[in-house]
C-alpha cells in the first residue's frame, strides 16, 4: 500500500470519528433540550390540545399535593392549575367516572404522578396538602351503589384525615349543600342545620357528606389537623348561571385553592 493511500485512509477514519462525536453531541443536546421542554409544559392531546406552561419553583416553595379523583371534571382542572403553578401533584383515581384522558397531557411531566387507587383503602404518601374531592356527586352514579357511596365519604375521608394527621398536611374536603337535605331556608346560613331524611334515596350521599364534615372537625379539634371545608355544590349552582362548564371548572378550581390558602372556617 502506498503512503498516499494510507494517508487518505487515516484522514477518512479521523473524519468519521469526528463526525460520530459531533453527531453524538448533537443527539445529547437535542435530548436535553427535549427533556427541558417536557418539564416546562403539558403535551397537546386530542382531549387537551392546548399547551399549559408550568412554572419552575424553588424547592422551598414547591408543594407536593394529593388530589383524590383528580382525573374527574373539576379535579382535572384543579390539577391543571396546580401544575401550572409549579407544584408536584399526585392524583388518586379509580376511574369509575373520571377519565385518564383528562390528565394524560401531564403523564410525561416529572412533577405529576397518577395512581389507580380507591380511597376506601389506606395509602402511605408524603404530601404537604390534600384536596379530597372523592365521592360521586351525580344522583344516577351515587344511587347505583349506595353502600360504596357511603364508604367513599366515610372510610375515604377517615383515610385522608389519617394521612393528613400523620404527615401534618393541610386537607380540604369538597362538601356539598346537599348536607342541608331539603332546606326550608334559602339561602342557608352557617347557623342553619338543615331538613334531612336519613333513609331517602339521596341519604347515602347527603349523610355521607355530613359525617365527612363531622370527622373533619373532630380531627381538627382532637388532633390539631389543619382543615378546610368547601360547600362545592353551592358554588357550582351559582356560577353555572354565568359560565360554560370548562370555564366553570377553572373558576371552581381557583375557589378551592383560595379556600385552602385562607383561614379556617369557625366551627
Protein backbone atom coordinates (compact mmCIF):
# COMPACT_ATOMS: atom_id res chain seq x y z
CA UNK A 1 0.00 0.00 0.00
CA UNK A 2 1.38 3.41 -0.97
CA UNK A 3 1.98 6.19 1.54
CA UNK A 4 -0.65 8.34 -0.18
CA UNK A 5 -3.39 5.74 0.16
CA UNK A 6 -2.50 5.15 3.85
CA UNK A 7 -2.72 8.88 4.49
CA UNK A 8 -6.15 9.05 2.80
CA UNK A 9 -7.39 6.12 4.90
CA UNK A 10 -6.23 7.74 8.14
CA UNK A 11 -7.88 11.02 7.12
CA UNK A 12 -11.19 9.31 6.35
CA UNK A 13 -11.06 7.40 9.65
CA UNK A 14 -10.31 10.59 11.57
CA UNK A 15 -13.12 12.49 9.85
CA UNK A 16 -15.54 9.63 10.59
CA UNK A 17 -14.62 9.68 14.29
CA UNK A 18 -15.09 13.44 14.42
CA UNK A 19 -18.48 13.10 12.71
CA UNK A 20 -19.51 10.44 15.25
CA UNK A 21 -18.51 12.68 18.14
CA UNK A 22 -20.34 15.67 16.67
CA UNK A 23 -23.40 13.55 15.95
CA UNK A 24 -23.43 12.09 19.45
CA UNK A 25 -23.03 15.53 20.98
CA UNK A 26 -25.90 16.86 18.86
CA UNK A 27 -28.14 13.96 19.92
CA UNK A 28 -27.33 14.55 23.59
CA UNK A 29 -28.02 18.28 23.28
CA UNK A 30 -31.29 17.57 21.48
CA UNK A 31 -32.29 15.07 24.18
CA UNK A 32 -31.53 17.57 26.97
CA UNK A 33 -33.49 20.28 25.15
CA UNK A 34 -36.46 17.92 24.70
CA UNK A 35 -36.41 16.99 28.39
CA UNK A 36 -36.27 20.63 29.43
CA UNK A 37 -39.25 21.34 27.16
CA UNK A 38 -41.22 18.41 28.59
CA UNK A 39 -40.52 19.69 32.10
CA UNK A 40 -41.90 23.13 31.26
CA UNK A 41 -45.28 22.37 29.73
CA UNK A 42 -48.04 19.87 29.03
CA UNK A 43 -48.17 17.76 25.88
CA UNK A 44 -51.04 18.51 23.46
CA UNK A 45 -53.52 15.63 23.31
CA UNK A 46 -56.82 15.17 21.46
CA UNK A 47 -58.68 15.86 24.71
CA UNK A 48 -56.48 18.79 25.79
CA UNK A 49 -54.97 20.23 22.60
CA UNK A 50 -53.77 23.50 24.14
CA UNK A 51 -50.37 23.71 25.84
CA UNK A 52 -50.20 24.62 29.54
CA UNK A 53 -46.94 26.17 30.68
CA UNK A 54 -45.55 25.24 34.10
CA UNK A 55 -43.63 27.47 36.48
CA UNK A 56 -40.30 26.29 37.88
CA UNK A 57 -40.49 26.79 41.63
CA UNK A 58 -37.58 26.60 44.08
CA UNK A 59 -37.71 23.60 46.42
CA UNK A 60 -38.71 25.78 49.37
CA UNK A 61 -41.88 26.94 47.60
CA UNK A 62 -42.86 23.81 45.68
CA UNK A 63 -45.51 21.71 47.44
CA UNK A 64 -46.40 18.06 46.95
CA UNK A 65 -50.17 17.94 46.62
CA UNK A 66 -52.55 14.98 46.62
CA UNK A 67 -55.83 15.29 44.69
CA UNK A 68 -58.35 12.49 45.12
CA UNK A 69 -60.36 11.91 41.92
CA UNK A 70 -58.00 14.28 40.16
CA UNK A 71 -58.99 12.78 36.80
CA UNK A 72 -62.59 13.92 37.18
CA UNK A 73 -64.17 17.02 35.66
CA UNK A 74 -63.34 19.57 38.36
CA UNK A 75 -60.37 17.62 39.70
CA UNK A 76 -58.54 17.63 36.37
CA UNK A 77 -58.92 21.41 36.05
CA UNK A 78 -57.62 21.78 39.60
CA UNK A 79 -54.64 19.62 38.61
CA UNK A 80 -54.02 21.87 35.59
CA UNK A 81 -53.96 24.91 37.84
CA UNK A 82 -51.65 23.34 40.44
CA UNK A 83 -49.28 22.03 37.76
CA UNK A 84 -49.15 25.43 36.05
CA UNK A 85 -48.13 26.94 39.41
CA UNK A 86 -45.14 24.57 39.56
CA UNK A 87 -46.24 22.16 42.29
CA UNK A 88 -45.85 18.37 42.38
CA UNK A 89 -49.23 16.66 42.01
CA UNK A 90 -50.30 13.12 42.86
CA UNK A 91 -53.70 12.03 41.54
CA UNK A 92 -55.65 9.13 43.06
CA UNK A 93 -58.45 7.74 40.93
CA UNK A 94 -60.45 4.54 40.45
CA UNK A 95 -61.74 5.77 37.06
CA UNK A 96 -65.31 4.77 37.88
CA UNK A 97 -66.37 8.14 36.47
CA UNK A 98 -63.11 10.06 35.90
CA UNK A 99 -61.17 9.60 32.66
CA UNK A 100 -57.47 9.12 32.13
CA UNK A 101 -57.80 11.36 29.07
CA UNK A 102 -58.46 14.28 31.43
CA UNK A 103 -54.87 14.14 32.74
CA UNK A 104 -52.92 12.31 30.03
CA UNK A 105 -51.34 15.60 28.91
CA UNK A 106 -49.36 15.52 32.20
CA UNK A 107 -48.27 11.88 32.22
CA UNK A 108 -44.81 12.76 30.86
CA UNK A 109 -44.15 15.53 33.39
CA UNK A 110 -41.74 14.77 36.26
CA UNK A 111 -43.96 16.71 38.71
CA UNK A 112 -47.02 14.54 38.02
CA UNK A 113 -47.98 11.08 39.29
CA UNK A 114 -51.14 9.09 38.59
CA UNK A 115 -52.08 6.27 40.97
CA UNK A 116 -55.02 3.95 40.43
CA UNK A 117 -56.33 3.63 43.98
CA UNK A 118 -59.60 3.51 45.91
CA UNK A 119 -59.67 5.99 48.81
CA UNK A 120 -61.61 3.49 50.91
CA UNK A 121 -58.25 1.71 51.22
CA UNK A 122 -55.39 3.33 53.19
CA UNK A 123 -52.39 4.67 51.31
CA UNK A 124 -48.98 5.85 52.51
CA UNK A 125 -47.69 9.01 50.86
CA UNK A 126 -45.66 12.07 51.84
CA UNK A 127 -47.58 15.22 50.88
CA UNK A 128 -48.00 18.82 52.02
CA UNK A 129 -51.63 19.32 51.04
CA UNK A 130 -54.64 17.11 50.29
CA UNK A 131 -57.60 18.11 48.13
CA UNK A 132 -60.20 15.46 48.96
CA UNK A 133 -62.75 15.55 46.12
CA UNK A 134 -63.62 11.85 46.10
CA UNK A 135 -67.30 10.94 46.03
CA UNK A 136 -69.83 10.52 43.26
CA UNK A 137 -71.93 13.67 43.05
CA UNK A 138 -74.43 12.71 40.33
CA UNK A 139 -77.63 11.00 41.64
CA UNK A 140 -77.57 8.22 39.00
CA UNK A 141 -73.96 7.45 39.96
CA UNK A 142 -74.23 7.59 43.75
CA UNK A 143 -77.56 5.74 43.77
CA UNK A 144 -76.13 2.97 41.59
CA UNK A 145 -74.09 1.71 44.56
CA UNK A 146 -75.24 3.50 47.73
CA UNK A 147 -73.05 1.39 50.04
CA UNK A 148 -69.96 2.32 48.02
CA UNK A 149 -71.04 5.97 48.11
CA UNK A 150 -71.28 5.91 51.92
CA UNK A 151 -67.92 4.12 52.23
CA UNK A 152 -66.23 6.68 49.98
CA UNK A 153 -67.46 9.61 52.08
CA UNK A 154 -66.77 7.95 55.44
CA UNK A 155 -63.88 5.49 55.09
CA UNK A 156 -62.31 7.56 52.33
CA UNK A 157 -62.37 10.69 54.47
CA UNK A 158 -61.03 8.80 57.50
CA UNK A 159 -58.11 7.53 55.40
CA UNK A 160 -57.33 11.00 54.05
CA UNK A 161 -57.58 12.55 57.52
CA UNK A 162 -55.32 9.82 58.90
CA UNK A 163 -52.80 10.63 56.19
CA UNK A 164 -53.08 14.36 56.89
CA UNK A 165 -52.56 13.73 60.60
CA UNK A 166 -49.50 11.52 60.02
CA UNK A 167 -47.67 13.86 57.64
CA UNK A 168 -49.09 17.12 59.09
CA UNK A 169 -50.68 18.09 55.78
CA UNK A 170 -53.49 20.58 55.33
CA UNK A 171 -56.63 18.92 53.97
CA UNK A 172 -59.60 20.36 52.11
CA UNK A 173 -62.92 18.49 51.87
CA UNK A 174 -65.18 19.21 48.91
CA UNK A 175 -68.51 19.04 50.71
CA UNK A 176 -71.95 19.89 49.36
CA UNK A 177 -75.06 21.93 50.03
CA UNK A 178 -76.87 18.58 49.96
CA UNK A 179 -75.97 18.20 53.65
CA UNK A 180 -78.90 20.54 54.32
CA UNK A 181 -81.29 18.00 52.79
CA UNK A 182 -84.45 19.78 51.57
CA UNK A 183 -83.87 23.13 53.26
CA UNK A 184 -86.73 25.34 54.35
CA UNK A 185 -84.44 28.38 54.46
CA UNK A 186 -82.93 30.00 51.32
CA UNK A 187 -80.08 30.75 51.17
CA UNK A 188 -78.79 28.65 54.05
CA UNK A 189 -76.67 30.47 56.68
CA UNK A 190 -74.00 28.63 58.67
CA UNK A 191 -76.37 28.60 61.66
CA UNK A 192 -78.96 26.51 59.74
CA UNK A 193 -78.75 22.77 60.43
CA UNK A 194 -80.94 21.54 57.60
CA UNK A 195 -84.05 19.46 56.98
CA UNK A 196 -82.76 15.97 56.34
CA UNK A 197 -84.05 12.50 55.54
CA UNK A 198 -81.69 9.76 56.71
CA UNK A 199 -83.32 6.94 54.70
CA UNK A 200 -84.33 8.65 51.46
CA UNK A 201 -82.83 7.94 48.01
CA UNK A 202 -80.24 10.72 48.45
CA UNK A 203 -79.32 9.76 52.01
CA UNK A 204 -76.26 7.72 51.00
CA UNK A 205 -74.70 10.89 49.57
CA UNK A 206 -76.15 13.52 51.93
CA UNK A 207 -75.45 11.67 55.17
CA UNK A 208 -72.04 10.50 53.99
CA UNK A 209 -71.01 14.11 53.43
CA UNK A 210 -72.48 15.17 56.77
CA UNK A 211 -70.39 12.53 58.53
CA UNK A 212 -67.34 13.58 56.49
CA UNK A 213 -67.71 17.19 57.71
CA UNK A 214 -68.15 15.96 61.29
CA UNK A 215 -64.96 13.91 61.02
CA UNK A 216 -63.05 16.88 59.61
CA UNK A 217 -63.88 18.98 62.66
CA UNK A 218 -63.31 16.07 65.04
CA UNK A 219 -59.76 15.60 63.68
CA UNK A 220 -59.21 19.37 63.86
CA UNK A 221 -60.38 19.65 67.47
CA UNK A 222 -58.83 16.44 68.78
CA UNK A 223 -55.65 16.10 66.72
CA UNK A 224 -54.95 19.63 65.52
CA UNK A 225 -55.25 18.72 61.82
CA UNK A 226 -55.37 21.79 59.57
CA UNK A 227 -58.67 21.53 57.70
CA UNK A 228 -60.73 23.43 55.15
CA UNK A 229 -64.32 22.65 54.09
CA UNK A 230 -65.81 23.93 50.83
CA UNK A 231 -69.52 23.61 50.04
CA UNK A 232 -68.89 22.66 46.45
CA UNK A 233 -72.43 22.42 45.03
CA UNK A 234 -73.37 25.87 46.31
CA UNK A 235 -70.56 27.46 44.27
CA UNK A 236 -71.32 25.26 41.26
CA UNK A 237 -75.02 26.12 41.04
CA UNK A 238 -74.45 29.86 41.42
CA UNK A 239 -71.62 30.04 38.89
CA UNK A 240 -73.26 27.75 36.31
CA UNK A 241 -75.74 30.52 35.58
CA UNK A 242 -72.95 32.64 34.09
CA UNK A 243 -70.21 30.36 32.73
CA UNK A 244 -69.82 27.35 30.45
CA UNK A 245 -68.69 24.08 32.02
CA UNK A 246 -64.98 24.41 31.20
CA UNK A 247 -64.75 27.99 32.46
CA UNK A 248 -66.80 26.97 35.48
CA UNK A 249 -64.40 24.16 36.37
CA UNK A 250 -61.46 26.57 36.19
CA UNK A 251 -63.25 29.11 38.39
CA UNK A 252 -64.18 26.47 40.96
CA UNK A 253 -60.54 25.31 40.98
CA UNK A 254 -59.45 28.85 41.84
CA UNK A 255 -62.07 29.00 44.60
CA UNK A 256 -60.92 25.66 46.04
CA UNK A 257 -57.28 26.81 46.13
CA UNK A 258 -58.37 30.10 47.71
CA UNK A 259 -60.28 28.23 50.44
CA UNK A 260 -57.22 26.03 51.06
CA UNK A 261 -54.97 29.05 51.48
CA UNK A 262 -57.22 31.13 53.74
CA UNK A 263 -58.01 30.98 57.44
CA UNK A 264 -60.17 28.05 58.58
CA UNK A 265 -63.93 28.41 58.91
CA UNK A 266 -65.15 28.76 62.50
CA UNK A 267 -66.92 25.62 63.66
